[in-house]
Amino acid sequence: MNAPLSIRVDQRTRRSLARLARQSRRSQSAVVREAIDAFVAKAPAVLRPYDAWREVLGSADSGIGNLSEQTGAKFRDALIARKSAAR
């Protein structure tokens, strides 16, 4: 279903659009629709930051196999050590 769309263009653009529509024997709306379709087809896909890094995430190996083990205890120990060092 077609939905109406209103746009504002300067006089030069309006004259160019009218001339192009006459020359191609199409309506101004058809010319604008075709131009929008062509623009959208050429536009790069918008990626989320995750999409840009998806292939890389999780592919690095630190060589340490137990990084996610006992993280709470390790974090607590690091906080205690930092607090002790501050005294």
C-alpha atoms as a PDB file:
ATOM      1  CA  MET A   1       0.000   0.000   0.000  1.00  0.00           C
ATOM      2  CA  ASN A   2       1.374   3.417  -0.938  1.00  0.00           C
ATOM      3  CA  ALA A   3       1.531   6.049   1.759  1.00  0.00           C
ATOM      4  CA  PRO A   4       1.793   9.777   1.050  1.00  0.00           C
ATOM      5  CA  LEU A   5       5.042  11.581   1.834  1.00  0.00           C
ATOM      6  CA  SER A   6       5.593  15.333   1.776  1.00  0.00           C
ATOM      7  CA  ILE A   7       9.014  16.833   1.165  1.00  0.00           C
ATOM      8  CA  ARG A   8      10.299  20.363   0.670  1.00  0.00           C
ATOM      9  CA  VAL A   9      12.698  21.092  -2.173  1.00  0.00           C
ATOM     10  CA  ASP A  10      14.152  24.310  -3.528  1.00  0.00           C
ATOM     11  CA  GLN A  11      12.941  25.763  -6.830  1.00  0.00           C
ATOM     12  CA  ARG A  12      15.951  24.514  -8.798  1.00  0.00           C
ATOM     13  CA  THR A  13      15.363  20.932  -7.619  1.00  0.00           C
ATOM     14  CA  ARG A  14      11.649  21.233  -8.344  1.00  0.00           C
ATOM     15  CA  ARG A  15      12.329  22.398 -11.920  1.00  0.00           C
ATOM     16  CA  SER A  16      14.886  19.600 -12.445  1.00  0.00           C
ATOM     17  CA  LEU A  17      12.411  17.038 -11.142  1.00  0.00           C
ATOM     18  CA  ALA A  18       9.638  18.352 -13.389  1.00  0.00           C
ATOM     19  CA  ARG A  19      11.945  18.330 -16.444  1.00  0.00           C
ATOM     20  CA  LEU A  20      13.152  14.780 -15.725  1.00  0.00           C
ATOM     21  CA  ALA A  21       9.592  13.558 -15.241  1.00  0.00           C
ATOM     22  CA  ARG A  22       8.496  15.115 -18.548  1.00  0.00           C
ATOM     23  CA  GLN A  23      11.488  13.729 -20.451  1.00  0.00           C
ATOM     24  CA  SER A  24      10.984  10.220 -19.090  1.00  0.00           C
ATOM     25  CA  ARG A  25       7.179  10.426 -19.390  1.00  0.00           C
ATOM     26  CA  ARG A  26       6.709   9.470 -15.775  1.00  0.00           C
ATOM     27  CA  SER A  27       5.121  11.241 -12.853  1.00  0.00           C
ATOM     28  CA  GLN A  28       7.246  13.242 -10.459  1.00  0.00           C
ATOM     29  CA  SER A  29       6.266  10.771  -7.745  1.00  0.00           C
ATOM     30  CA  ALA A  30       7.571   7.867  -9.833  1.00  0.00           C
ATOM     31  CA  VAL A  31      10.881   9.672 -10.382  1.00  0.00           C
ATOM     32  CA  VAL A  32      11.235  10.389  -6.653  1.00  0.00           C
ATOM     33  CA  ARG A  33      10.326   6.792  -5.719  1.00  0.00           C
ATOM     34  CA  GLU A  34      12.942   5.455  -8.124  1.00  0.00           C
ATOM     35  CA  ALA A  35      15.569   7.860  -6.760  1.00  0.00           C
ATOM     36  CA  ILE A  36      14.825   6.817  -3.179  1.00  0.00           C
ATOM     37  CA  ASP A  37      14.964   3.123  -4.107  1.00  0.00           C
ATOM     38  CA  ALA A  38      18.351   3.626  -5.809  1.00  0.00           C
ATOM     39  CA  PHE A  39      19.703   5.569  -2.825  1.00  0.00           C
ATOM     40  CA  VAL A  40      18.573   2.946  -0.324  1.00  0.00           C
ATOM     41  CA  ALA A  41      19.996   0.107  -2.445  1.00  0.00           C
ATOM     42  CA  LYS A  42      23.435   1.762  -2.495  1.00  0.00           C
ATOM     43  CA  ALA A  43      23.473   2.777   1.173  1.00  0.00           C
ATOM     44  CA  PRO A  44      25.689   0.626   3.378  1.00  0.00           C
ATOM     45  CA  ALA A  45      23.922  -1.534   5.914  1.00  0.00           C
ATOM     46  CA  VAL A  46      23.845  -0.006   9.368  1.00  0.00           C
ATOM     47  CA  LEU A  47      25.601  -2.339  11.743  1.00  0.00           C
ATOM     48  CA  ARG A  48      25.449  -2.429  15.479  1.00  0.00           C
ATOM     49  CA  PRO A  49      28.879  -2.282  17.146  1.00  0.00           C
ATOM     50  CA  TYR A  50      28.422  -5.941  18.072  1.00  0.00           C
ATOM     51  CA  ASP A  51      27.858  -6.865  14.412  1.00  0.00           C
ATOM     52  CA  ALA A  52      31.114  -5.192  13.411  1.00  0.00           C
ATOM     53  CA  TRP A  53      33.102  -7.170  16.024  1.00  0.00           C
ATOM     54  CA  ARG A  54      31.094 -10.426  16.053  1.00  0.00           C
ATOM     55  CA  GLU A  55      33.713 -12.475  14.190  1.00  0.00           C
ATOM     56  CA  VAL A  56      36.488 -11.306  16.502  1.00  0.00           C
ATOM     57  CA  LEU A  57      34.749 -11.630  19.861  1.00  0.00           C
ATOM     58  CA  GLY A  58      35.717 -14.777  21.677  1.00  0.00           C
ATOM     59  CA  SER A  59      38.429 -15.681  19.195  1.00  0.00           C
ATOM     60  CA  ALA A  60      41.389 -14.543  21.306  1.00  0.00           C
ATOM     61  CA  ASP A  61      43.075 -16.970  23.654  1.00  0.00           C
ATOM     62  CA  SER A  62      44.931 -15.629  26.679  1.00  0.00           C
ATOM     63  CA  GLY A  63      46.579 -18.973  27.335  1.00  0.00           C
ATOM     64  CA  ILE A  64      45.108 -19.031  30.833  1.00  0.00           C
ATOM     65  CA  GLY A  65      42.348 -21.591  31.076  1.00  0.00           C
ATOM     66  CA  ASN A  66      40.702 -20.571  34.344  1.00  0.00           C
ATOM     67  CA  LEU A  67      40.017 -16.866  33.857  1.00  0.00           C
ATOM     68  CA  SER A  68      36.341 -17.104  34.727  1.00  0.00           C
ATOM     69  CA  GLU A  69      36.773 -19.338  37.750  1.00  0.00           C
ATOM     70  CA  GLN A  70      36.346 -17.842  41.207  1.00  0.00           C
ATOM     71  CA  THR A  71      36.024 -14.324  39.856  1.00  0.00           C
ATOM     72  CA  GLY A  72      34.089 -13.145  42.908  1.00  0.00           C
ATOM     73  CA  ALA A  73      36.795 -14.320  45.291  1.00  0.00           C
ATOM     74  CA  LYS A  74      39.545 -12.848  43.106  1.00  0.00           C
ATOM     75  CA  PHE A  75      37.725  -9.505  42.931  1.00  0.00           C
ATOM     76  CA  ARG A  76      37.249  -9.460  46.711  1.00  0.00           C
ATOM     77  CA  ASP A  77      40.942 -10.227  47.248  1.00  0.00           C
ATOM     78  CA  ALA A  78      41.926  -7.429  44.858  1.00  0.00           C
ATOM     79  CA  LEU A  79      39.727  -4.938  46.740  1.00  0.00           C
ATOM     80  CA  ILE A  80      41.185  -6.008  50.090  1.00  0.00           C
ATOM     81  CA  ALA A  81      44.725  -5.715  48.714  1.00  0.00           C
ATOM     82  CA  ARG A  82      43.998  -2.236  47.341  1.00  0.00           C
ATOM     83  CA  LYS A  83      42.481  -1.133  50.630  1.00  0.00           C
ATOM     84  CA  SER A  84      45.502  -2.479  52.542  1.00  0.00           C
ATOM     85  CA  ALA A  85      47.923  -0.699  50.185  1.00  0.00           C
ATOM     86  CA  ALA A  86      46.103   2.609  50.722  1.00  0.00           C
ATOM     87  CA  ARG A  87      46.764   2.509  54.483  1.00  0.00           C
END
